Amino acid sequence: MSSKRVMFIGATGCGKSALAQALEGQVRSGRSAQEVVYGKKTIDVPSEYLEHPWMFQSLIAIAQNNASHVVFVVGQGNTASAGSPGLGNVFTCPVVGVVTTDCNSLEGTERCFGELARLGVPEPYFVVNPNEQVDRSLAEYLFDVEQSEELR
């Protein structure tokens, strides 16, 4: 098994910390990270790395050295846009798009899909509610079968 982790990036309030904690099997703390948090399976990156272009080099270095996948998280209830167009194209590992929601509004989901496309994130996109059990298809996509079984 690789020691690389799944890296989560996104704008403030999009649900990346909740999603990372859910995939780690942790109880949601409700606090967002103010520094890069390395879990056993995940890397939770503060939104500042995505919101400030001068930090992109650090973001890319973290991914190259530590990430098996980069997950761009866009919150359905969050209208903030973060990251330069095409940013997803600079990563050498697989890039995945996730929309976090608690209501599954079609209009909101389509807006989020547009934002992921703007960022250069290829389909398929996953729609998840981080307050509920982790979507098994997302876990299987990000982790090998053995790890995804642990999440159930």
N, C-alpha and C. Protein backbone atom coordinates (compact mmCIF):
# COMPACT_ATOMS: atom_id res chain seq x y z
N MET A 1 0.84 -1.18 0.00
CA MET A 1 0.00 0.00 0.00
C MET A 1 0.88 1.24 0.00
N SER A 2 0.52 2.20 -0.78
CA SER A 2 1.27 3.45 -0.89
C SER A 2 1.09 4.30 0.36
N SER A 3 2.13 5.07 0.70
CA SER A 3 2.02 5.95 1.85
C SER A 3 1.44 7.31 1.46
N LYS A 4 1.13 7.46 0.18
CA LYS A 4 0.55 8.72 -0.28
C LYS A 4 -0.90 8.82 0.17
N ARG A 5 -1.35 10.07 0.31
CA ARG A 5 -2.69 10.34 0.81
C ARG A 5 -3.50 11.11 -0.22
N VAL A 6 -4.80 11.20 0.01
CA VAL A 6 -5.69 11.97 -0.83
C VAL A 6 -5.70 13.41 -0.31
N MET A 7 -5.38 14.36 -1.20
CA MET A 7 -5.29 15.77 -0.81
C MET A 7 -6.58 16.50 -1.17
N PHE A 8 -7.15 17.22 -0.21
CA PHE A 8 -8.39 17.98 -0.41
C PHE A 8 -8.09 19.46 -0.43
N ILE A 9 -8.57 20.14 -1.51
CA ILE A 9 -8.43 21.58 -1.61
C ILE A 9 -9.76 22.18 -2.05
N GLY A 10 -9.99 23.42 -1.62
CA GLY A 10 -11.22 24.11 -1.98
C GLY A 10 -11.34 25.42 -1.24
N ALA A 11 -12.35 26.19 -1.59
CA ALA A 11 -12.58 27.50 -0.98
C ALA A 11 -13.02 27.35 0.48
N THR A 12 -12.93 28.42 1.22
CA THR A 12 -13.38 28.45 2.60
C THR A 12 -14.84 28.05 2.68
N GLY A 13 -15.15 27.13 3.60
CA GLY A 13 -16.52 26.73 3.86
C GLY A 13 -17.13 25.74 2.89
N CYS A 14 -16.31 25.14 2.02
CA CYS A 14 -16.86 24.22 1.01
C CYS A 14 -17.08 22.81 1.56
N GLY A 15 -16.55 22.49 2.72
CA GLY A 15 -16.75 21.17 3.31
C GLY A 15 -15.58 20.22 3.17
N LYS A 16 -14.41 20.73 2.78
CA LYS A 16 -13.27 19.83 2.57
C LYS A 16 -12.79 19.20 3.88
N SER A 17 -12.79 19.95 4.96
CA SER A 17 -12.36 19.39 6.25
C SER A 17 -13.34 18.32 6.72
N ALA A 18 -14.63 18.59 6.57
CA ALA A 18 -15.65 17.60 6.97
C ALA A 18 -15.51 16.33 6.15
N LEU A 19 -15.25 16.48 4.86
CA LEU A 19 -15.10 15.32 3.98
C LEU A 19 -13.84 14.54 4.34
N ALA A 20 -12.74 15.24 4.57
CA ALA A 20 -11.49 14.57 4.96
C ALA A 20 -11.67 13.83 6.29
N GLN A 21 -12.33 14.47 7.25
CA GLN A 21 -12.57 13.83 8.55
C GLN A 21 -13.47 12.60 8.40
N ALA A 22 -14.48 12.69 7.53
CA ALA A 22 -15.37 11.55 7.30
C ALA A 22 -14.60 10.38 6.69
N LEU A 23 -13.73 10.67 5.73
CA LEU A 23 -12.93 9.62 5.10
C LEU A 23 -11.90 9.02 6.06
N GLU A 24 -11.51 9.80 7.05
CA GLU A 24 -10.58 9.31 8.08
C GLU A 24 -11.32 8.52 9.15
N GLY A 25 -12.67 8.58 9.13
CA GLY A 25 -13.45 7.90 10.15
C GLY A 25 -13.51 8.66 11.45
N GLN A 26 -13.23 9.96 11.39
CA GLN A 26 -13.23 10.80 12.59
C GLN A 26 -14.58 11.46 12.78
N VAL A 27 -14.88 11.80 14.02
CA VAL A 27 -16.06 12.58 14.32
C VAL A 27 -15.78 14.00 13.87
N ARG A 28 -16.72 14.59 13.18
CA ARG A 28 -16.53 15.93 12.64
C ARG A 28 -16.33 16.94 13.76
N SER A 29 -15.23 17.69 13.67
CA SER A 29 -14.91 18.66 14.73
C SER A 29 -15.60 19.99 14.53
N GLY A 30 -16.01 20.29 13.29
CA GLY A 30 -16.65 21.58 13.02
C GLY A 30 -15.66 22.72 12.87
N ARG A 31 -14.38 22.42 13.04
CA ARG A 31 -13.34 23.44 12.89
C ARG A 31 -12.64 23.24 11.57
N SER A 32 -12.30 24.34 10.94
CA SER A 32 -11.54 24.23 9.70
C SER A 32 -10.06 24.35 10.02
N ALA A 33 -9.26 23.76 9.16
CA ALA A 33 -7.82 23.72 9.37
C ALA A 33 -7.19 25.08 9.07
N GLN A 34 -6.27 25.49 9.90
CA GLN A 34 -5.50 26.71 9.67
C GLN A 34 -4.10 26.38 9.19
N GLU A 35 -3.82 25.09 9.11
CA GLU A 35 -2.54 24.60 8.60
C GLU A 35 -2.80 23.29 7.87
N VAL A 36 -1.84 22.83 7.12
CA VAL A 36 -2.01 21.56 6.42
C VAL A 36 -2.09 20.45 7.46
N VAL A 37 -3.15 19.64 7.38
CA VAL A 37 -3.37 18.56 8.33
C VAL A 37 -3.17 17.23 7.60
N TYR A 38 -2.17 16.46 8.05
CA TYR A 38 -1.87 15.16 7.47
C TYR A 38 -2.54 14.08 8.31
N GLY A 39 -3.56 13.44 7.75
CA GLY A 39 -4.19 12.30 8.40
C GLY A 39 -3.55 11.02 7.90
N LYS A 40 -4.08 9.89 8.32
CA LYS A 40 -3.56 8.60 7.86
C LYS A 40 -3.81 8.40 6.37
N LYS A 41 -4.97 8.89 5.89
CA LYS A 41 -5.36 8.69 4.49
C LYS A 41 -5.52 9.98 3.72
N THR A 42 -5.57 11.10 4.41
CA THR A 42 -5.91 12.37 3.75
C THR A 42 -4.94 13.49 4.10
N ILE A 43 -4.96 14.52 3.26
CA ILE A 43 -4.26 15.78 3.53
C ILE A 43 -5.31 16.87 3.37
N ASP A 44 -5.56 17.61 4.44
CA ASP A 44 -6.55 18.69 4.43
C ASP A 44 -5.78 20.00 4.33
N VAL A 45 -5.92 20.67 3.18
CA VAL A 45 -5.15 21.88 2.90
C VAL A 45 -6.04 23.11 3.14
N PRO A 46 -5.56 24.09 3.91
CA PRO A 46 -6.35 25.30 4.14
C PRO A 46 -6.66 26.02 2.83
N SER A 47 -7.79 26.69 2.80
CA SER A 47 -8.25 27.37 1.59
C SER A 47 -7.28 28.45 1.11
N GLU A 48 -6.49 29.00 1.99
CA GLU A 48 -5.54 30.05 1.61
C GLU A 48 -4.58 29.58 0.51
N TYR A 49 -4.26 28.31 0.49
CA TYR A 49 -3.35 27.79 -0.54
C TYR A 49 -3.98 27.88 -1.92
N LEU A 50 -5.29 27.82 -1.99
CA LEU A 50 -6.00 27.88 -3.26
C LEU A 50 -6.43 29.31 -3.59
N GLU A 51 -6.62 30.12 -2.58
CA GLU A 51 -7.14 31.48 -2.77
C GLU A 51 -6.07 32.50 -3.11
N HIS A 52 -4.80 32.16 -2.88
CA HIS A 52 -3.71 33.10 -3.13
C HIS A 52 -2.73 32.49 -4.14
N PRO A 53 -2.67 33.05 -5.34
CA PRO A 53 -1.81 32.47 -6.38
C PRO A 53 -0.34 32.32 -5.97
N TRP A 54 0.15 33.15 -5.10
CA TRP A 54 1.55 33.04 -4.69
C TRP A 54 1.80 31.78 -3.87
N MET A 55 0.73 31.08 -3.43
CA MET A 55 0.89 29.84 -2.66
C MET A 55 0.73 28.59 -3.53
N PHE A 56 0.44 28.77 -4.84
CA PHE A 56 0.23 27.62 -5.72
C PHE A 56 1.45 26.71 -5.76
N GLN A 57 2.65 27.29 -5.73
CA GLN A 57 3.87 26.47 -5.78
C GLN A 57 3.91 25.50 -4.59
N SER A 58 3.53 25.98 -3.42
CA SER A 58 3.50 25.10 -2.23
C SER A 58 2.43 24.03 -2.39
N LEU A 59 1.29 24.41 -2.93
CA LEU A 59 0.19 23.47 -3.16
C LEU A 59 0.64 22.35 -4.10
N ILE A 60 1.31 22.72 -5.17
CA ILE A 60 1.79 21.75 -6.15
C ILE A 60 2.86 20.84 -5.52
N ALA A 61 3.76 21.42 -4.73
CA ALA A 61 4.81 20.63 -4.08
C ALA A 61 4.23 19.61 -3.10
N ILE A 62 3.21 20.02 -2.33
CA ILE A 62 2.56 19.09 -1.40
C ILE A 62 1.97 17.92 -2.18
N ALA A 63 1.30 18.24 -3.28
CA ALA A 63 0.70 17.18 -4.10
C ALA A 63 1.74 16.25 -4.70
N GLN A 64 2.79 16.79 -5.26
CA GLN A 64 3.81 15.97 -5.90
C GLN A 64 4.50 15.04 -4.92
N ASN A 65 4.73 15.51 -3.71
CA ASN A 65 5.47 14.73 -2.73
C ASN A 65 4.61 13.80 -1.88
N ASN A 66 3.31 14.09 -1.75
CA ASN A 66 2.50 13.37 -0.77
C ASN A 66 1.16 12.84 -1.23
N ALA A 67 0.68 13.23 -2.40
CA ALA A 67 -0.70 12.91 -2.78
C ALA A 67 -0.83 11.81 -3.81
N SER A 68 -1.76 10.89 -3.56
CA SER A 68 -2.13 9.89 -4.56
C SER A 68 -3.18 10.48 -5.50
N HIS A 69 -4.02 11.39 -4.98
CA HIS A 69 -5.05 12.09 -5.74
C HIS A 69 -5.16 13.51 -5.18
N VAL A 70 -5.58 14.44 -6.03
CA VAL A 70 -5.95 15.78 -5.59
C VAL A 70 -7.45 15.91 -5.79
N VAL A 71 -8.16 16.25 -4.73
CA VAL A 71 -9.61 16.39 -4.79
C VAL A 71 -9.97 17.86 -4.64
N PHE A 72 -10.55 18.42 -5.70
CA PHE A 72 -11.09 19.79 -5.63
C PHE A 72 -12.50 19.68 -5.08
N VAL A 73 -12.77 20.38 -3.98
CA VAL A 73 -14.08 20.34 -3.34
C VAL A 73 -14.77 21.68 -3.57
N VAL A 74 -15.99 21.63 -4.07
CA VAL A 74 -16.80 22.83 -4.29
C VAL A 74 -18.10 22.63 -3.52
N GLY A 75 -18.42 23.58 -2.64
CA GLY A 75 -19.63 23.48 -1.84
C GLY A 75 -20.83 24.07 -2.55
N GLN A 76 -21.93 23.33 -2.54
CA GLN A 76 -23.14 23.80 -3.20
C GLN A 76 -23.67 25.08 -2.56
N GLY A 77 -23.50 25.22 -1.27
CA GLY A 77 -23.97 26.41 -0.58
C GLY A 77 -22.96 27.53 -0.57
N ASN A 78 -21.81 27.33 -1.20
CA ASN A 78 -20.72 28.30 -1.18
C ASN A 78 -20.56 28.88 -2.58
N THR A 79 -20.79 30.17 -2.73
CA THR A 79 -20.67 30.79 -4.05
C THR A 79 -19.28 31.35 -4.32
N ALA A 80 -18.38 31.23 -3.34
CA ALA A 80 -17.02 31.74 -3.53
C ALA A 80 -16.29 30.91 -4.57
N SER A 81 -15.54 31.59 -5.40
CA SER A 81 -14.73 30.92 -6.41
C SER A 81 -13.27 31.04 -5.97
N ALA A 82 -12.57 29.94 -6.00
CA ALA A 82 -11.17 29.98 -5.59
C ALA A 82 -10.34 29.16 -6.56
N GLY A 83 -9.19 29.67 -6.88
CA GLY A 83 -8.30 28.95 -7.77
C GLY A 83 -8.36 29.51 -9.18
N SER A 84 -7.23 29.47 -9.84
CA SER A 84 -7.13 29.97 -11.20
C SER A 84 -7.72 28.98 -12.20
N PRO A 85 -8.27 29.50 -13.31
CA PRO A 85 -8.78 28.60 -14.35
C PRO A 85 -7.69 27.63 -14.80
N GLY A 86 -8.07 26.35 -14.91
CA GLY A 86 -7.13 25.33 -15.38
C GLY A 86 -6.14 24.84 -14.34
N LEU A 87 -6.27 25.27 -13.08
CA LEU A 87 -5.31 24.86 -12.05
C LEU A 87 -5.21 23.34 -11.92
N GLY A 88 -6.30 22.64 -12.11
CA GLY A 88 -6.29 21.18 -11.99
C GLY A 88 -5.37 20.49 -12.98
N ASN A 89 -5.03 21.19 -14.06
CA ASN A 89 -4.18 20.59 -15.09
C ASN A 89 -2.71 20.52 -14.71
N VAL A 90 -2.28 21.20 -13.64
CA VAL A 90 -0.86 21.22 -13.30
C VAL A 90 -0.42 20.03 -12.45
N PHE A 91 -1.37 19.29 -11.91
CA PHE A 91 -1.01 18.20 -11.02
C PHE A 91 -0.67 16.94 -11.81
N THR A 92 0.32 16.19 -11.33
CA THR A 92 0.76 14.98 -12.02
C THR A 92 0.00 13.74 -11.56
N CYS A 93 -0.69 13.81 -10.42
CA CYS A 93 -1.50 12.69 -9.95
C CYS A 93 -2.95 12.90 -10.41
N PRO A 94 -3.80 11.89 -10.28
CA PRO A 94 -5.20 12.04 -10.69
C PRO A 94 -5.90 13.17 -9.93
N VAL A 95 -6.75 13.91 -10.63
CA VAL A 95 -7.51 15.02 -10.06
C VAL A 95 -8.99 14.64 -10.10
N VAL A 96 -9.67 14.86 -8.97
CA VAL A 96 -11.06 14.45 -8.80
C VAL A 96 -11.88 15.66 -8.36
N GLY A 97 -13.12 15.74 -8.81
CA GLY A 97 -14.02 16.81 -8.41
C GLY A 97 -15.13 16.30 -7.52
N VAL A 98 -15.36 17.01 -6.40
CA VAL A 98 -16.42 16.65 -5.47
C VAL A 98 -17.25 17.88 -5.16
N VAL A 99 -18.57 17.70 -5.22
CA VAL A 99 -19.51 18.75 -4.82
C VAL A 99 -20.10 18.32 -3.49
N THR A 100 -19.97 19.17 -2.47
CA THR A 100 -20.59 18.88 -1.19
C THR A 100 -21.92 19.59 -1.11
N THR A 101 -22.91 18.89 -0.57
CA THR A 101 -24.27 19.42 -0.51
C THR A 101 -25.01 18.84 0.68
N ASP A 102 -26.06 19.52 1.07
CA ASP A 102 -26.98 18.94 2.04
C ASP A 102 -28.41 18.99 1.52
N CYS A 103 -28.56 19.37 0.22
CA CYS A 103 -29.92 19.49 -0.31
C CYS A 103 -30.09 18.96 -1.74
N ASN A 104 -29.02 18.72 -2.46
CA ASN A 104 -29.07 18.22 -3.84
C ASN A 104 -29.89 19.09 -4.79
N SER A 105 -29.72 20.37 -4.72
CA SER A 105 -30.38 21.29 -5.66
C SER A 105 -29.73 21.13 -7.02
N LEU A 106 -30.54 20.84 -8.04
CA LEU A 106 -30.01 20.64 -9.39
C LEU A 106 -29.29 21.89 -9.89
N GLU A 107 -29.88 23.06 -9.65
CA GLU A 107 -29.25 24.31 -10.10
C GLU A 107 -27.90 24.52 -9.42
N GLY A 108 -27.84 24.28 -8.12
CA GLY A 108 -26.59 24.44 -7.39
C GLY A 108 -25.54 23.44 -7.83
N THR A 109 -25.97 22.21 -8.09
CA THR A 109 -25.04 21.18 -8.53
C THR A 109 -24.46 21.53 -9.89
N GLU A 110 -25.27 22.01 -10.81
CA GLU A 110 -24.79 22.40 -12.13
C GLU A 110 -23.80 23.56 -12.04
N ARG A 111 -24.06 24.51 -11.15
CA ARG A 111 -23.12 25.63 -10.95
C ARG A 111 -21.77 25.08 -10.46
N CYS A 112 -21.82 24.14 -9.54
CA CYS A 112 -20.59 23.54 -9.01
C CYS A 112 -19.83 22.75 -10.07
N PHE A 113 -20.57 22.02 -10.91
CA PHE A 113 -19.93 21.30 -12.01
C PHE A 113 -19.22 22.29 -12.94
N GLY A 114 -19.84 23.43 -13.19
CA GLY A 114 -19.22 24.47 -14.01
C GLY A 114 -17.95 25.00 -13.38
N GLU A 115 -17.96 25.17 -12.06
CA GLU A 115 -16.78 25.65 -11.35
C GLU A 115 -15.65 24.62 -11.44
N LEU A 116 -15.98 23.34 -11.27
CA LEU A 116 -14.96 22.30 -11.40
C LEU A 116 -14.37 22.27 -12.80
N ALA A 117 -15.22 22.42 -13.81
CA ALA A 117 -14.73 22.46 -15.19
C ALA A 117 -13.83 23.67 -15.41
N ARG A 118 -14.19 24.82 -14.84
CA ARG A 118 -13.37 26.03 -14.95
C ARG A 118 -11.98 25.80 -14.35
N LEU A 119 -11.93 25.04 -13.27
CA LEU A 119 -10.67 24.75 -12.59
C LEU A 119 -9.84 23.69 -13.33
N GLY A 120 -10.40 23.10 -14.38
CA GLY A 120 -9.67 22.08 -15.13
C GLY A 120 -9.78 20.69 -14.55
N VAL A 121 -10.81 20.45 -13.75
CA VAL A 121 -11.01 19.14 -13.14
C VAL A 121 -11.83 18.28 -14.10
N PRO A 122 -11.30 17.11 -14.47
CA PRO A 122 -12.04 16.24 -15.40
C PRO A 122 -13.19 15.51 -14.71
N GLU A 123 -14.20 15.15 -15.51
CA GLU A 123 -15.28 14.31 -14.99
C GLU A 123 -14.74 12.89 -14.83
N PRO A 124 -15.36 12.05 -14.01
CA PRO A 124 -16.65 12.23 -13.36
C PRO A 124 -16.53 13.08 -12.10
N TYR A 125 -17.64 13.69 -11.73
CA TYR A 125 -17.74 14.46 -10.49
C TYR A 125 -18.60 13.67 -9.51
N PHE A 126 -18.28 13.79 -8.23
CA PHE A 126 -19.04 13.12 -7.18
C PHE A 126 -19.82 14.16 -6.40
N VAL A 127 -21.06 13.84 -6.04
CA VAL A 127 -21.88 14.71 -5.20
C VAL A 127 -22.08 13.98 -3.88
N VAL A 128 -21.63 14.59 -2.78
CA VAL A 128 -21.69 13.93 -1.47
C VAL A 128 -22.20 14.90 -0.41
N ASN A 129 -22.75 14.32 0.64
CA ASN A 129 -23.13 15.07 1.83
C ASN A 129 -22.16 14.62 2.92
N PRO A 130 -21.19 15.48 3.30
CA PRO A 130 -20.19 15.07 4.28
C PRO A 130 -20.76 14.85 5.67
N ASN A 131 -22.02 15.26 5.90
CA ASN A 131 -22.65 15.04 7.20
C ASN A 131 -23.25 13.65 7.32
N GLU A 132 -23.32 12.93 6.20
CA GLU A 132 -23.84 11.58 6.20
C GLU A 132 -22.69 10.61 5.97
N GLN A 133 -23.00 9.32 5.88
CA GLN A 133 -21.97 8.32 5.64
C GLN A 133 -21.27 8.62 4.32
N VAL A 134 -19.97 8.39 4.29
CA VAL A 134 -19.18 8.65 3.09
C VAL A 134 -19.70 7.84 1.92
N ASP A 135 -19.83 8.49 0.80
CA ASP A 135 -20.28 7.84 -0.43
C ASP A 135 -19.28 6.73 -0.78
N ARG A 136 -19.77 5.51 -0.83
CA ARG A 136 -18.89 4.36 -1.06
C ARG A 136 -18.19 4.44 -2.42
N SER A 137 -18.91 4.93 -3.45
CA SER A 137 -18.28 5.01 -4.77
C SER A 137 -17.10 5.98 -4.76
N LEU A 138 -17.21 7.06 -4.00
CA LEU A 138 -16.09 8.00 -3.88
C LEU A 138 -14.92 7.34 -3.15
N ALA A 139 -15.21 6.66 -2.05
CA ALA A 139 -14.15 5.98 -1.29
C ALA A 139 -13.44 4.95 -2.15
N GLU A 140 -14.21 4.18 -2.92
CA GLU A 140 -13.60 3.17 -3.78
C GLU A 140 -12.77 3.81 -4.89
N TYR A 141 -13.21 4.95 -5.37
CA TYR A 141 -12.47 5.65 -6.42
C TYR A 141 -11.14 6.18 -5.88
N LEU A 142 -11.14 6.64 -4.64
CA LEU A 142 -9.94 7.26 -4.07
C LEU A 142 -8.99 6.27 -3.41
N PHE A 143 -9.53 5.22 -2.85
CA PHE A 143 -8.71 4.25 -2.11
C PHE A 143 -8.84 2.88 -2.74
N ASP A 144 -7.92 2.00 -2.38
CA ASP A 144 -8.07 0.63 -2.87
C ASP A 144 -9.22 -0.03 -2.13
N VAL A 145 -9.65 -1.19 -2.59
CA VAL A 145 -10.82 -1.86 -2.04
C VAL A 145 -10.68 -2.11 -0.54
N GLU A 146 -9.51 -2.52 -0.11
CA GLU A 146 -9.30 -2.83 1.31
C GLU A 146 -9.56 -1.60 2.17
N GLN A 147 -9.05 -0.44 1.76
CA GLN A 147 -9.27 0.77 2.55
C GLN A 147 -10.71 1.19 2.53
N SER A 148 -11.40 1.07 1.40
CA SER A 148 -12.79 1.51 1.33
C SER A 148 -13.69 0.63 2.20
N GLU A 149 -13.32 -0.64 2.40
CA GLU A 149 -14.08 -1.52 3.29
C GLU A 149 -13.99 -1.02 4.72
N GLU A 150 -12.85 -0.45 5.11
CA GLU A 150 -12.69 0.08 6.46
C GLU A 150 -13.61 1.26 6.74
N LEU A 151 -14.06 1.95 5.71
CA LEU A 151 -14.88 3.14 5.87
C LEU A 151 -16.34 2.81 6.15
N ARG A 152 -16.75 1.58 5.90
CA ARG A 152 -18.15 1.20 6.12
C ARG A 152 -18.49 1.07 7.57
